[in-house]
Structures are given as C-alpha cells and as structure tokens.
C-alpha atoms as a PDB file:
ATOM      1  CA  MET A   1      69.079  30.587  79.947  1.00  0.00           C
ATOM      2  CA  THR A   2      71.430  31.869  82.583  1.00  0.00           C
ATOM      3  CA  SER A   3      72.347  35.471  82.956  1.00  0.00           C
ATOM      4  CA  SER A   4      75.996  36.499  82.641  1.00  0.00           C
ATOM      5  CA  PRO A   5      77.669  38.078  85.657  1.00  0.00           C
ATOM      6  CA  SER A   6      77.497  41.850  85.894  1.00  0.00           C
ATOM      7  CA  THR A   7      80.625  43.709  84.762  1.00  0.00           C
ATOM      8  CA  ALA A   8      79.808  46.789  86.878  1.00  0.00           C
ATOM      9  CA  PRO A   9      82.197  47.265  89.822  1.00  0.00           C
ATOM     10  CA  ALA A  10      80.843  46.531  93.243  1.00  0.00           C
ATOM     11  CA  GLU A  11      79.854  49.692  95.104  1.00  0.00           C
ATOM     12  CA  ARG A  12      82.287  50.499  97.890  1.00  0.00           C
ATOM     13  CA  PRO A  13      81.009  51.810 101.170  1.00  0.00           C
ATOM     14  CA  PRO A  14      81.892  55.439 101.670  1.00  0.00           C
ATOM     15  CA  ALA A  15      85.023  56.107 103.714  1.00  0.00           C
ATOM     16  CA  PRO A  16      84.272  57.314 107.217  1.00  0.00           C
ATOM     17  CA  ALA A  17      84.550  61.040 107.637  1.00  0.00           C
ATOM     18  CA  ARG A  18      87.720  62.121 109.475  1.00  0.00           C
ATOM     19  CA  ARG A  19      87.170  63.906 112.749  1.00  0.00           C
ATOM     20  CA  VAL A  20      88.345  67.494 112.950  1.00  0.00           C
ATOM     21  CA  PHE A  21      88.650  69.604 116.100  1.00  0.00           C
ATOM     22  CA  LEU A  22      88.408  73.304 115.239  1.00  0.00           C
ATOM     23  CA  ILE A  23      89.370  76.232 117.506  1.00  0.00           C
ATOM     24  CA  GLY A  24      88.797  79.895 116.656  1.00  0.00           C
ATOM     25  CA  ALA A  25      85.552  78.923 114.940  1.00  0.00           C
ATOM     26  CA  THR A  26      83.355  81.944 115.663  1.00  0.00           C
ATOM     27  CA  GLY A  27      85.425  84.529 113.789  1.00  0.00           C
ATOM     28  CA  THR A  28      84.606  85.146 110.163  1.00  0.00           C
ATOM     29  CA  ILE A  29      87.522  83.011 108.927  1.00  0.00           C
ATOM     30  CA  GLY A  30      86.719  80.298 111.458  1.00  0.00           C
ATOM     31  CA  ARG A  31      83.134  80.166 110.285  1.00  0.00           C
ATOM     32  CA  ALA A  32      84.206  79.981 106.677  1.00  0.00           C
ATOM     33  CA  THR A  33      86.616  77.184 107.546  1.00  0.00           C
ATOM     34  CA  ALA A  34      83.959  75.266 109.438  1.00  0.00           C
ATOM     35  CA  ALA A  35      81.638  75.498 106.428  1.00  0.00           C
ATOM     36  CA  ALA A  36      84.423  74.324 104.055  1.00  0.00           C
ATOM     37  CA  LEU A  37      85.213  71.346 106.313  1.00  0.00           C
ATOM     38  CA  VAL A  38      81.539  70.341 106.520  1.00  0.00           C
ATOM     39  CA  ALA A  39      81.165  70.665 102.722  1.00  0.00           C
ATOM     40  CA  ARG A  40      84.105  68.253 102.356  1.00  0.00           C
ATOM     41  CA  GLY A  41      82.403  65.668 104.562  1.00  0.00           C
ATOM     42  CA  TYR A  42      84.436  66.005 107.706  1.00  0.00           C
ATOM     43  CA  ASP A  43      82.948  65.401 111.142  1.00  0.00           C
ATOM     44  CA  VAL A  44      83.701  68.751 112.763  1.00  0.00           C
ATOM     45  CA  VAL A  45      83.687  69.638 116.473  1.00  0.00           C
ATOM     46  CA  CYS A  46      84.074  73.352 117.250  1.00  0.00           C
ATOM     47  CA  PHE A  47      85.325  74.396 120.667  1.00  0.00           C
ATOM     48  CA  VAL A  48      84.241  77.909 121.535  1.00  0.00           C
ATOM     49  CA  ARG A  49      83.657  80.150 124.573  1.00  0.00           C
ATOM     50  CA  PRO A  50      80.181  80.131 126.114  1.00  0.00           C
ATOM     51  CA  ARG A  51      80.080  83.871 125.323  1.00  0.00           C
ATOM     52  CA  ALA A  52      81.964  84.122 122.028  1.00  0.00           C
ATOM     53  CA  GLY A  53      82.515  86.827 119.496  1.00  0.00           C
ATOM     54  CA  VAL A  54      83.658  90.426 119.919  1.00  0.00           C
ATOM     55  CA  GLY A  55      82.751  91.599 123.437  1.00  0.00           C
ATOM     56  CA  GLY A  56      81.209  88.192 124.187  1.00  0.00           C
ATOM     57  CA  ARG A  57      78.048  89.035 122.268  1.00  0.00           C
ATOM     58  CA  LEU A  58      77.388  85.528 121.000  1.00  0.00           C
ATOM     59  CA  THR A  59      75.296  83.214 123.159  1.00  0.00           C
ATOM     60  CA  GLU A  60      75.668  79.461 122.998  1.00  0.00           C
ATOM     61  CA  THR A  61      72.595  79.288 120.761  1.00  0.00           C
ATOM     62  CA  ALA A  62      73.942  81.962 118.461  1.00  0.00           C
ATOM     63  CA  SER A  63      77.268  80.157 118.124  1.00  0.00           C
ATOM     64  CA  GLN A  64      75.484  76.893 117.231  1.00  0.00           C
ATOM     65  CA  ASP A  65      73.441  78.708 114.619  1.00  0.00           C
ATOM     66  CA  LEU A  66      76.567  80.265 113.052  1.00  0.00           C
ATOM     67  CA  LEU A  67      78.320  76.881 112.949  1.00  0.00           C
ATOM     68  CA  ALA A  68      75.476  74.808 111.492  1.00  0.00           C
ATOM     69  CA  GLY A  69      76.550  71.310 110.449  1.00  0.00           C
ATOM     70  CA  THR A  70      79.109  71.030 113.198  1.00  0.00           C
ATOM     71  CA  GLU A  71      78.990  69.952 116.817  1.00  0.00           C
ATOM     72  CA  VAL A  72      79.679  72.907 119.079  1.00  0.00           C
ATOM     73  CA  ARG A  73      81.243  72.377 122.495  1.00  0.00           C
ATOM     74  CA  PHE A  74      81.820  75.111 125.019  1.00  0.00           C
ATOM     75  CA  GLY A  75      84.761  75.825 127.286  1.00  0.00           C
ATOM     76  CA  ASP A  76      87.963  77.824 127.687  1.00  0.00           C
ATOM     77  CA  VAL A  77      90.704  77.312 125.102  1.00  0.00           C
ATOM     78  CA  THR A  78      93.248  78.898 127.427  1.00  0.00           C
ATOM     79  CA  ASP A  79      92.594  76.270 130.141  1.00  0.00           C
ATOM     80  CA  PRO A  80      94.226  72.865 129.561  1.00  0.00           C
ATOM     81  CA  ASP A  81      91.720  71.149 131.851  1.00  0.00           C
ATOM     82  CA  SER A  82      88.750  72.629 129.968  1.00  0.00           C
ATOM     83  CA  LEU A  83      90.250  71.624 126.630  1.00  0.00           C
ATOM     84  CA  ALA A  84      90.517  68.004 127.742  1.00  0.00           C
ATOM     85  CA  ARG A  85      87.280  67.818 129.750  1.00  0.00           C
ATOM     86  CA  ASP A  86      84.893  70.031 127.715  1.00  0.00           C
ATOM     87  CA  GLY A  87      86.546  69.841 124.293  1.00  0.00           C
ATOM     88  CA  PHE A  88      88.148  66.519 123.439  1.00  0.00           C
ATOM     89  CA  ARG A  89      86.225  64.564 126.116  1.00  0.00           C
ATOM     90  CA  GLY A  90      88.497  61.539 125.898  1.00  0.00           C
ATOM     91  CA  GLU A  91      87.509  60.956 122.284  1.00  0.00           C
ATOM     92  CA  CYS A  92      89.733  60.400 119.254  1.00  0.00           C
ATOM     93  CA  PHE A  93      90.313  62.965 116.509  1.00  0.00           C
ATOM     94  CA  ASP A  94      92.377  63.017 113.363  1.00  0.00           C
ATOM     95  CA  VAL A  95      93.066  66.695 112.748  1.00  0.00           C
ATOM     96  CA  LEU A  96      93.333  69.911 114.747  1.00  0.00           C
ATOM     97  CA  VAL A  97      92.572  73.096 112.798  1.00  0.00           C
ATOM     98  CA  SER A  98      93.181  76.466 114.374  1.00  0.00           C
ATOM     99  CA  CYS A  99      91.827  79.837 113.222  1.00  0.00           C
ATOM    100  CA  LEU A 100      92.456  81.213 116.698  1.00  0.00           C
ATOM    101  CA  ALA A 101      94.278  84.572 117.074  1.00  0.00           C
ATOM    102  CA  SER A 102      94.700  87.238 119.694  1.00  0.00           C
ATOM    103  CA  ARG A 103      92.186  90.077 119.345  1.00  0.00           C
ATOM    104  CA  THR A 104      94.427  93.090 119.787  1.00  0.00           C
ATOM    105  CA  GLY A 105      97.995  91.885 119.318  1.00  0.00           C
ATOM    106  CA  ALA A 106      99.011  93.457 122.638  1.00  0.00           C
ATOM    107  CA  PRO A 107     101.799  91.455 124.341  1.00  0.00           C
ATOM    108  CA  LYS A 108      99.770  89.909 127.164  1.00  0.00           C
ATOM    109  CA  ASP A 109      96.956  88.889 124.806  1.00  0.00           C
ATOM    110  CA  ALA A 110      99.370  87.681 122.133  1.00  0.00           C
ATOM    111  CA  TRP A 111     101.369  85.349 124.372  1.00  0.00           C
ATOM    112  CA  ALA A 112      98.219  84.037 126.056  1.00  0.00           C
ATOM    113  CA  ILE A 113      96.433  83.188 122.785  1.00  0.00           C
ATOM    114  CA  ASP A 114      98.865  83.045 119.882  1.00  0.00           C
ATOM    115  CA  HIS A 115     101.301  80.943 121.873  1.00  0.00           C
ATOM    116  CA  ARG A 116     100.157  79.375 125.192  1.00  0.00           C
ATOM    117  CA  ALA A 117      96.589  78.515 124.140  1.00  0.00           C
ATOM    118  CA  HIS A 118      97.949  76.827 121.032  1.00  0.00           C
ATOM    119  CA  VAL A 119     100.503  74.906 123.039  1.00  0.00           C
ATOM    120  CA  HIS A 120      97.693  73.663 125.302  1.00  0.00           C
ATOM    121  CA  ALA A 121      95.534  72.732 122.299  1.00  0.00           C
ATOM    122  CA  LEU A 122      98.357  70.860 120.606  1.00  0.00           C
ATOM    123  CA  THR A 123      99.112  68.901 123.789  1.00  0.00           C
ATOM    124  CA  ALA A 124      95.454  67.946 124.231  1.00  0.00           C
ATOM    125  CA  ALA A 125      95.124  67.068 120.542  1.00  0.00           C
ATOM    126  CA  ARG A 126      98.095  64.727 120.586  1.00  0.00           C
ATOM    127  CA  ALA A 127      96.578  62.948 123.599  1.00  0.00           C
ATOM    128  CA  ALA A 128      93.414  62.545 121.507  1.00  0.00           C
ATOM    129  CA  GLY A 129      95.323  60.888 118.679  1.00  0.00           C
ATOM    130  CA  VAL A 130      95.586  63.864 116.367  1.00  0.00           C
ATOM    131  CA  GLY A 131      98.284  63.349 113.773  1.00  0.00           C
ATOM    132  CA  HIS A 132      97.934  66.550 111.710  1.00  0.00           C
ATOM    133  CA  MET A 133      97.489  70.201 112.633  1.00  0.00           C
ATOM    134  CA  VAL A 134      96.493  72.961 110.253  1.00  0.00           C
ATOM    135  CA  GLN A 135      97.527  76.290 111.712  1.00  0.00           C
ATOM    136  CA  LEU A 136      96.436  79.708 110.454  1.00  0.00           C
ATOM    137  CA  SER A 137      99.343  82.086 110.974  1.00  0.00           C
ATOM    138  CA  ALA A 138     100.159  85.417 109.294  1.00  0.00           C
ATOM    139  CA  ILE A 139     102.529  86.426 106.528  1.00  0.00           C
ATOM    140  CA  CYS A 140     103.848  89.275 108.650  1.00  0.00           C
ATOM    141  CA  VAL A 141     105.795  86.909 110.875  1.00  0.00           C
ATOM    142  CA  GLN A 142     108.477  86.977 108.211  1.00  0.00           C
ATOM    143  CA  LYS A 143     109.671  90.245 109.795  1.00  0.00           C
ATOM    144  CA  PRO A 144     108.813  89.796 113.473  1.00  0.00           C
ATOM    145  CA  LEU A 145     109.052  93.209 115.148  1.00  0.00           C
ATOM    146  CA  LEU A 146     105.863  92.913 117.251  1.00  0.00           C
ATOM    147  CA  ALA A 147     104.825  90.780 120.219  1.00  0.00           C
ATOM    148  CA  PHE A 148     102.034  88.925 118.397  1.00  0.00           C
ATOM    149  CA  GLN A 149     104.384  88.026 115.546  1.00  0.00           C
ATOM    150  CA  GLN A 150     106.983  86.640 117.969  1.00  0.00           C
ATOM    151  CA  ALA A 151     104.286  84.663 119.804  1.00  0.00           C
ATOM    152  CA  LYS A 152     103.025  83.174 116.523  1.00  0.00           C
ATOM    153  CA  LEU A 153     106.524  82.268 115.437  1.00  0.00           C
ATOM    154  CA  ALA A 154     107.277  80.630 118.789  1.00  0.00           C
ATOM    155  CA  PHE A 155     104.292  78.319 118.346  1.00  0.00           C
ATOM    156  CA  GLU A 156     105.151  77.655 114.682  1.00  0.00           C
ATOM    157  CA  ARG A 157     108.486  76.349 115.857  1.00  0.00           C
ATOM    158  CA  GLU A 158     106.910  74.169 118.535  1.00  0.00           C
ATOM    159  CA  LEU A 159     104.445  72.713 116.013  1.00  0.00           C
ATOM    160  CA  ALA A 160     107.136  72.022 113.405  1.00  0.00           C
ATOM    161  CA  SER A 161     109.245  70.180 115.974  1.00  0.00           C
ATOM    162  CA  SER A 162     106.314  68.297 117.539  1.00  0.00           C
ATOM    163  CA  GLY A 163     106.602  65.216 115.337  1.00  0.00           C
ATOM    164  CA  ILE A 164     103.084  65.419 113.926  1.00  0.00           C
ATOM    165  CA  THR A 165     102.196  66.454 110.395  1.00  0.00           C
ATOM    166  CA  TYR A 166     101.678  70.201 110.123  1.00  0.00           C
ATOM    167  CA  SER A 167     100.443  72.749 107.603  1.00  0.00           C
ATOM    168  CA  ILE A 168     101.295  76.319 108.631  1.00  0.00           C
ATOM    169  CA  VAL A 169      99.303  78.769 106.516  1.00  0.00           C
ATOM    170  CA  ARG A 170     100.669  82.324 106.489  1.00  0.00           C
ATOM    171  CA  ALA A 171      97.803  84.328 105.030  1.00  0.00           C
ATOM    172  CA  THR A 172      98.174  87.839 103.622  1.00  0.00           C
ATOM    173  CA  ALA A 173      95.683  90.670 104.288  1.00  0.00           C
ATOM    174  CA  PHE A 174      91.975  90.026 104.840  1.00  0.00           C
ATOM    175  CA  PHE A 175      89.117  91.843 103.065  1.00  0.00           C
ATOM    176  CA  LYS A 176      87.646  92.964 106.413  1.00  0.00           C
ATOM    177  CA  SER A 177      90.934  94.599 107.356  1.00  0.00           C
ATOM    178  CA  LEU A 178      90.864  96.748 104.204  1.00  0.00           C
ATOM    179  CA  SER A 179      87.261  97.895 104.327  1.00  0.00           C
ATOM    180  CA  GLY A 180      87.278 100.414 107.171  1.00  0.00           C
ATOM    181  CA  GLN A 181      87.210 103.599 105.105  1.00  0.00           C
ATOM    182  CA  LEU A 182      84.070 103.006 103.083  1.00  0.00           C
ATOM    183  CA  ASP A 183      81.861 105.008 105.434  1.00  0.00           C
ATOM    184  CA  ARG A 184      84.167 108.018 105.525  1.00  0.00           C
ATOM    185  CA  VAL A 185      84.502 108.008 101.734  1.00  0.00           C
ATOM    186  CA  ARG A 186      80.719 107.679 101.389  1.00  0.00           C
ATOM    187  CA  ALA A 187      80.368 110.659 103.699  1.00  0.00           C
ATOM    188  CA  GLY A 188      82.510 112.791 101.377  1.00  0.00           C
ATOM    189  CA  LYS A 189      85.686 112.578 103.405  1.00  0.00           C
ATOM    190  CA  PRO A 190      89.099 111.838 101.833  1.00  0.00           C
ATOM    191  CA  PHE A 191      90.642 108.370 101.807  1.00  0.00           C
ATOM    192  CA  LEU A 192      93.569 108.303 104.246  1.00  0.00           C
ATOM    193  CA  VAL A 193      96.924 106.937 103.020  1.00  0.00           C
ATOM    194  CA  PHE A 194     100.353 106.871 104.589  1.00  0.00           C
ATOM    195  CA  GLY A 195     102.958 108.578 102.489  1.00  0.00           C
ATOM    196  CA  ASP A 196     101.695 108.659  98.917  1.00  0.00           C
ATOM    197  CA  GLY A 197      99.644 105.478  99.294  1.00  0.00           C
ATOM    198  CA  THR A 198     102.109 103.300  97.464  1.00  0.00           C
ATOM    199  CA  LEU A 199     104.474 102.384 100.316  1.00  0.00           C
ATOM    200  CA  THR A 200     102.865  98.975 100.685  1.00  0.00           C
ATOM    201  CA  ALA A 201     100.921  96.361  98.744  1.00  0.00           C
ATOM    202  CA  CYS A 202      99.109  93.137  99.492  1.00  0.00           C
ATOM    203  CA  LYS A 203      97.203  90.294  97.822  1.00  0.00           C
ATOM    204  CA  PRO A 204      94.135  90.117 100.057  1.00  0.00           C
ATOM    205  CA  ILE A 205      92.176  86.887 100.412  1.00  0.00           C
ATOM    206  CA  SER A 206      88.527  86.407 101.242  1.00  0.00           C
ATOM    207  CA  ASP A 207      87.268  84.471 104.237  1.00  0.00           C
ATOM    208  CA  ALA A 208      85.625  81.890 101.978  1.00  0.00           C
ATOM    209  CA  ASP A 209      88.745  81.310  99.876  1.00  0.00           C
ATOM    210  CA  LEU A 210      90.989  81.127 102.926  1.00  0.00           C
ATOM    211  CA  GLY A 211      88.596  78.717 104.665  1.00  0.00           C
ATOM    212  CA  GLY A 212      88.661  76.521 101.569  1.00  0.00           C
ATOM    213  CA  TYR A 213      92.442  76.605 101.477  1.00  0.00           C
ATOM    214  CA  LEU A 214      92.724  75.654 105.120  1.00  0.00           C
ATOM    215  CA  ALA A 215      90.248  72.772 104.733  1.00  0.00           C
ATOM    216  CA  GLY A 216      92.144  71.599 101.616  1.00  0.00           C
ATOM    217  CA  CYS A 217      95.361  71.225 103.597  1.00  0.00           C
ATOM    218  CA  ILE A 218      94.021  68.053 105.255  1.00  0.00           C
ATOM    219  CA  ALA A 219      93.925  65.923 102.158  1.00  0.00           C
ATOM    220  CA  ASP A 220      96.566  67.626  99.969  1.00  0.00           C
ATOM    221  CA  GLU A 221      99.904  65.992 100.759  1.00  0.00           C
ATOM    222  CA  ASP A 222     101.749  68.750  98.924  1.00  0.00           C
ATOM    223  CA  ARG A 223     100.698  71.054 101.793  1.00  0.00           C
ATOM    224  CA  TRP A 224     102.006  68.777 104.570  1.00  0.00           C
ATOM    225  CA  ASN A 225     105.026  69.681 106.683  1.00  0.00           C
ATOM    226  CA  ARG A 226     105.275  73.055 104.943  1.00  0.00           C
ATOM    227  CA  ILE A 227     104.989  76.758 105.654  1.00  0.00           C
ATOM    228  CA  LEU A 228     102.452  78.020 103.141  1.00  0.00           C
ATOM    229  CA  PRO A 229     102.218  81.715 102.289  1.00  0.00           C
ATOM    230  CA  ILE A 230      98.928  82.423 100.527  1.00  0.00           C
ATOM    231  CA  GLY A 231      97.090  85.375  99.066  1.00  0.00           C
ATOM    232  CA  GLY A 232      94.019  85.941  96.953  1.00  0.00           C
ATOM    233  CA  PRO A 233      93.731  86.077  93.148  1.00  0.00           C
ATOM    234  CA  GLY A 234      94.953  88.893  90.972  1.00  0.00           C
ATOM    235  CA  PRO A 235      97.826  91.355  91.221  1.00  0.00           C
ATOM    236  CA  ALA A 236      98.959  92.997  94.427  1.00  0.00           C
ATOM    237  CA  ILE A 237      97.081  96.207  95.306  1.00  0.00           C
ATOM    238  CA  THR A 238      98.307  99.322  97.063  1.00  0.00           C
ATOM    239  CA  PRO A 239      96.270 101.464  99.520  1.00  0.00           C
ATOM    240  CA  ARG A 240      95.955 104.205  96.876  1.00  0.00           C
ATOM    241  CA  GLU A 241      94.509 101.696  94.418  1.00  0.00           C
ATOM    242  CA  GLN A 242      92.057 100.538  97.112  1.00  0.00           C
ATOM    243  CA  GLY A 243      90.915 104.139  97.557  1.00  0.00           C
ATOM    244  CA  GLU A 244      90.614 104.737  93.827  1.00  0.00           C
ATOM    245  CA  ALA A 245      88.420 101.649  93.547  1.00  0.00           C
ATOM    246  CA  LEU A 246      86.060 102.879  96.260  1.00  0.00           C
ATOM    247  CA  PHE A 247      85.750 106.317  94.617  1.00  0.00           C
ATOM    248  CA  ARG A 248      84.981 104.677  91.226  1.00  0.00           C
ATOM    249  CA  LEU A 249      82.287 102.485  92.764  1.00  0.00           C
ATOM    250  CA  LEU A 250      80.707 105.497  94.450  1.00  0.00           C
ATOM    251  CA  GLY A 251      80.947 107.587  91.293  1.00  0.00           C
ATOM    252  CA  ARG A 252      83.076 110.273  92.930  1.00  0.00           C
ATOM    253  CA  PRO A 253      86.414 111.894  92.040  1.00  0.00           C
ATOM    254  CA  PRO A 254      89.298 110.552  94.046  1.00  0.00           C
ATOM    255  CA  LYS A 255      90.212 112.575  97.152  1.00  0.00           C
ATOM    256  CA  PHE A 256      93.143 111.504  99.348  1.00  0.00           C
ATOM    257  CA  ARG A 257      94.730 112.791 102.500  1.00  0.00           C
ATOM    258  CA  GLN A 258      98.367 111.834 102.928  1.00  0.00           C
ATOM    259  CA  VAL A 259      99.453 111.086 106.487  1.00  0.00           C
ATOM    260  CA  PRO A 260     103.234 111.312 107.106  1.00  0.00           C
ATOM    261  CA  VAL A 261     104.736 108.171 108.565  1.00  0.00           C
ATOM    262  CA  ALA A 262     106.751 110.528 110.836  1.00  0.00           C
ATOM    263  CA  LEU A 263     103.482 111.425 112.585  1.00  0.00           C
ATOM    264  CA  LEU A 264     103.018 107.799 113.556  1.00  0.00           C
ATOM    265  CA  ASP A 265     106.537 107.753 114.919  1.00  0.00           C
ATOM    266  CA  THR A 266     105.839 110.801 117.036  1.00  0.00           C
ATOM    267  CA  ILE A 267     102.687 109.290 118.491  1.00  0.00           C
ATOM    268  CA  ARG A 268     104.421 105.979 119.059  1.00  0.00           C
ATOM    269  CA  GLY A 269     107.328 107.674 120.821  1.00  0.00           C
ATOM    270  CA  GLY A 270     105.063 109.649 123.101  1.00  0.00           C
ATOM    271  CA  LEU A 271     103.048 106.623 124.092  1.00  0.00           C
ATOM    272  CA  ALA A 272     106.215 104.593 124.667  1.00  0.00           C
ATOM    273  CA  LEU A 273     107.436 107.150 127.190  1.00  0.00           C
ATOM    274  CA  ALA A 274     104.055 107.379 128.893  1.00  0.00           C
ATOM    275  CA  GLY A 275     103.806 103.591 128.929  1.00  0.00           C
ATOM    276  CA  ARG A 276     106.728 103.377 131.338  1.00  0.00           C
ATOM    277  CA  VAL A 277     104.411 104.585 134.123  1.00  0.00           C
ATOM    278  CA  SER A 278     101.004 103.475 132.828  1.00  0.00           C
ATOM    279  CA  PRO A 279     100.189  99.881 131.779  1.00  0.00           C
ATOM    280  CA  ARG A 280      97.151 101.165 129.848  1.00  0.00           C
ATOM    281  CA  LEU A 281      99.301 103.532 127.818  1.00  0.00           C
ATOM    282  CA  ALA A 282     101.937 100.809 127.358  1.00  0.00           C
ATOM    283  CA  GLU A 283      99.286  98.718 125.558  1.00  0.00           C
ATOM    284  CA  LYS A 284      98.297 101.715 123.462  1.00  0.00           C
ATOM    285  CA  SER A 285     101.969 102.123 122.597  1.00  0.00           C
ATOM    286  CA  GLU A 286     102.071  98.558 121.277  1.00  0.00           C
ATOM    287  CA  LEU A 287      98.912  99.247 119.214  1.00  0.00           C
ATOM    288  CA  ALA A 288     100.638 102.282 117.738  1.00  0.00           C
ATOM    289  CA  ARG A 289     103.638 100.087 116.839  1.00  0.00           C
ATOM    290  CA  ILE A 290     101.230  97.675 115.128  1.00  0.00           C
ATOM    291  CA  GLY A 291      99.652 100.514 113.202  1.00  0.00           C
ATOM    292  CA  ARG A 292     103.052 101.756 112.107  1.00  0.00           C
ATOM    293  CA  TYR A 293     104.044  98.293 110.959  1.00  0.00           C
ATOM    294  CA  TYR A 294     100.964  97.860 108.762  1.00  0.00           C
ATOM    295  CA  ALA A 295     101.472 101.372 107.365  1.00  0.00           C
ATOM    296  CA  THR A 296     104.983 100.596 106.153  1.00  0.00           C
ATOM    297  CA  GLU A 297     105.277  96.830 105.501  1.00  0.00           C
ATOM    298  CA  SER A 298     103.721  94.957 102.623  1.00  0.00           C
ATOM    299  CA  MET A 299     101.765  91.789 103.229  1.00  0.00           C
ATOM    300  CA  LEU A 300     103.661  89.796 100.587  1.00  0.00           C
ATOM    301  CA  VAL A 301     106.399  87.184 100.559  1.00  0.00           C
ATOM    302  CA  LEU A 302     109.679  88.692 101.753  1.00  0.00           C
ATOM    303  CA  ASP A 303     112.778  87.796  99.717  1.00  0.00           C
ATOM    304  CA  PRO A 304     115.442  87.122 102.352  1.00  0.00           C
ATOM    305  CA  ALA A 305     118.230  87.755  99.871  1.00  0.00           C
ATOM    306  CA  THR A 306     117.132  91.255  98.882  1.00  0.00           C
ATOM    307  CA  GLY A 307     115.006  92.198 101.900  1.00  0.00           C
ATOM    308  CA  ARG A 308     112.249  93.255  99.493  1.00  0.00           C
ATOM    309  CA  TYR A 309     108.653  92.120  99.220  1.00  0.00           C
ATOM    310  CA  ASP A 310     107.857  90.098  96.102  1.00  0.00           C
ATOM    311  CA  ALA A 311     104.334  90.028  94.753  1.00  0.00           C
ATOM    312  CA  GLY A 312     105.298  87.544  92.084  1.00  0.00           C
ATOM    313  CA  ALA A 313     106.543  85.074  94.678  1.00  0.00           C
ATOM    314  CA  THR A 314     103.337  85.366  96.752  1.00  0.00           C
ATOM    315  CA  PRO A 315     101.039  82.457  95.816  1.00  0.00           C
ATOM    316  CA  SER A 316      97.442  83.193  94.835  1.00  0.00           C
ATOM    317  CA  PHE A 317      94.374  81.107  95.581  1.00  0.00           C
ATOM    318  CA  GLY A 318      90.655  81.402  95.141  1.00  0.00           C
ATOM    319  CA  ARG A 319      88.238  83.430  93.059  1.00  0.00           C
ATOM    320  CA  ASP A 320      87.116  86.370  95.204  1.00  0.00           C
ATOM    321  CA  THR A 321      88.799  89.745  94.614  1.00  0.00           C
ATOM    322  CA  LEU A 322      88.881  92.728  96.943  1.00  0.00           C
ATOM    323  CA  LEU A 323      87.338  94.939  94.265  1.00  0.00           C
ATOM    324  CA  ASP A 324      84.404  92.559  93.896  1.00  0.00           C
ATOM    325  CA  TYR A 325      83.999  92.637  97.667  1.00  0.00           C
ATOM    326  CA  TYR A 326      84.026  96.465  97.627  1.00  0.00           C
ATOM    327  CA  ALA A 327      81.260  96.407  95.014  1.00  0.00           C
ATOM    328  CA  ARG A 328      79.155  94.166  97.232  1.00  0.00           C
ATOM    329  CA  LEU A 329      79.807  96.426 100.237  1.00  0.00           C
ATOM    330  CA  VAL A 330      78.808  99.559  98.285  1.00  0.00           C
ATOM    331  CA  SER A 331      75.622  97.864  97.016  1.00  0.00           C
ATOM    332  CA  GLY A 332      74.701  96.745 100.515  1.00  0.00           C
ATOM    333  CA  GLU A 333      74.803  93.085  99.520  1.00  0.00           C
ATOM    334  CA  VAL A 334      77.269  92.383 102.386  1.00  0.00           C
ATOM    335  CA  ARG A 335      78.261  94.119 105.558  1.00  0.00           C
ATOM    336  CA  ALA A 336      81.840  94.176 106.856  1.00  0.00           C
ATOM    337  CA  GLU A 337      82.303  92.391 110.190  1.00  0.00           C
ATOM    338  CA  ARG A 338      85.469  94.025 111.315  1.00  0.00           C
ATOM    339  CA  GLY A 339      85.398  93.697 115.084  1.00  0.00           C
ATOM    340  CA  ASP A 340      88.841  94.242 116.550  1.00  0.00           C
ATOM    341  CA  HIS A 341      90.277  94.579 113.058  1.00  0.00           C
ATOM    342  CA  ALA A 342      89.085  98.176 113.336  1.00  0.00           C
ATOM    343  CA  VAL A 343      92.308  98.790 115.246  1.00  0.00           C
ATOM    344  CA  PHE A 344      94.139  98.666 111.893  1.00  0.00           C
END
C-alpha cells in the first residue's frame, strides 16, 4: 500500500533580514527605534560616537548594552570619511534610519547636525546601496522661524529630491519634553504656564510608539515617498491640562503661575542686543527664541488655508498616553531622561 502525497505546503525558507543602518541610536527615541527594528527581524547596525549620550557619558560598552541585539560601530557622524570607513565599511545596506538631531537647536549645532551630518550620511548610504531612508523630523518645521527648523527642512528637501525612497516622519511633542515640572509640583510649587495655559496644544507620542512607527515605515508602502505627521493616541492636550493631571495624580489642588508671553519677548530682545557683541549671548538669544516658539505654537498639523493648528487633522498612533506616563513617573516606575530637552 503506497502512501498518498502530502497536501501540506512545502515550508519556505525565511526571507533574509534586510540590513538597516541607524544613526542617532543612543537617544531615547533611537534606542526605542533600534529595539523595534530588532523585534521585526532586521539586521541593525548602529553608528554612534565613542563617547555618546548627553555630555559624552556613555562608554562604548554602555552603548553596546543599551543597543542589545544590534551591531554597534563607533565613529563620527559629522565626518564623511568616518561614516564610510568606520560605519558602512564598504558593505551593502538596504535602509538608512535617522533619529539624529541637534542637541540645543542653536544655529551652529543645527546646521552641523540637522543638515550637514544628514547630507553626509545620505551620500555614504547611497554608495552602500541604500534605497530607502526613514528620517525623523519634527512637526514644527511647518512654521520654520528657527535655525534648527530651517536646517531640518533643507535636508528634507534634499532627501525628497535624492531619487531614493523616503519616509519623512514629522513627530509631535515627546513625553520627556513635557515632564520637566513634576519635581517642582511635587515640592509644592505652582505649575508654570504661559498665558492662561491654553495657548497651545499637542498630541504627544511615547518613545516606544514613535520607534515602532519609524520601524514600520520600512515595510509599509503607504508610508513611502511621503511626509508623515504623527502624534500619540487620544485628544490634544494643553499645558493647563498637563498640570491638572499632575496635581490629580499627586492628590493636590491645582496651583498655577501664569507667565506673560511679553516677558519672554523682553528677555529675548535683551539677549538679541547683547548677542551682537557676545557669541555666547547670541546662542542664549536663540534658545530664548526657541522657548518663545514652544510657548506660543501648538505641535499639531497646521492648516495652510486658515493658518490654524488642527488637532483633528493630526494623525494618532500607538497606545501610550501622556497621562499614563505621568502616572508611572509619579509612582517611580519610570524616570524621565530629559537631557538637553530640559532647555524647553
């Protein structure tokens, strides 16, 4: 008696993992993106500084520990020779992902990192066979009044005209950028707001959700050759609502201090005058301009026809909410890694 042939389909060998070159990997969003790429089966090479992190606190070993599951290579992302020699090493890659951003937003830093370093990385990536770049940008480039916004936009234009597939992700506010007042509220101090605390709103997104979205751009053709604004889940939230949430979690009555926007203008004007004779004060003047921008502009999609920000038109992604994050901060379950985001 002969056996009949099996009707089960033959098992196919797994498709080889696509190679991804990741820059900006040691920041909190970069680390989340690296983890999301590894979870999706990509072969990830991270290119980082030998002394990475805020103030260069991370050793090579610490960077490797933070980026477990990836291959970590060390060099200088601002140096084209180092990118080719220490980063790509003459090997072939499929995708370049960037979570790299200037630390302060000051003009010199912004044009060196948000523009030139990305131009160098794109050039080296194309030589390595990369056909797709996923770029983390910022939603605030819709209204580019600051040096770092102009630098980001300049690179966005170069990427879009480069001929390779691109996914430009313009993220809204980050949880870490909105967590700086927990300690002062916990100490019994008022929550600071500009105006009445309702001048602006945002749809903040967590590192993990944003990392997942960036990683998902590689395989999702609907995200190719597009500029992609993205926020977190739930309705937009104002600074006053953020403060009210913290007071609720701490079991305390709300206490706010309203800071006039005119005060920021006075400080900014004084620093601008002083900056004409002092480079150090000129940089502080730019930081004051950045602070004023974030105090008065929403991190939402801007309607070009009306000039107004539109929460309903701002896409949402993920599961993590800012209020859940605040609860975890208050309980001590997590600690905010703010770094240079403390500027804002």
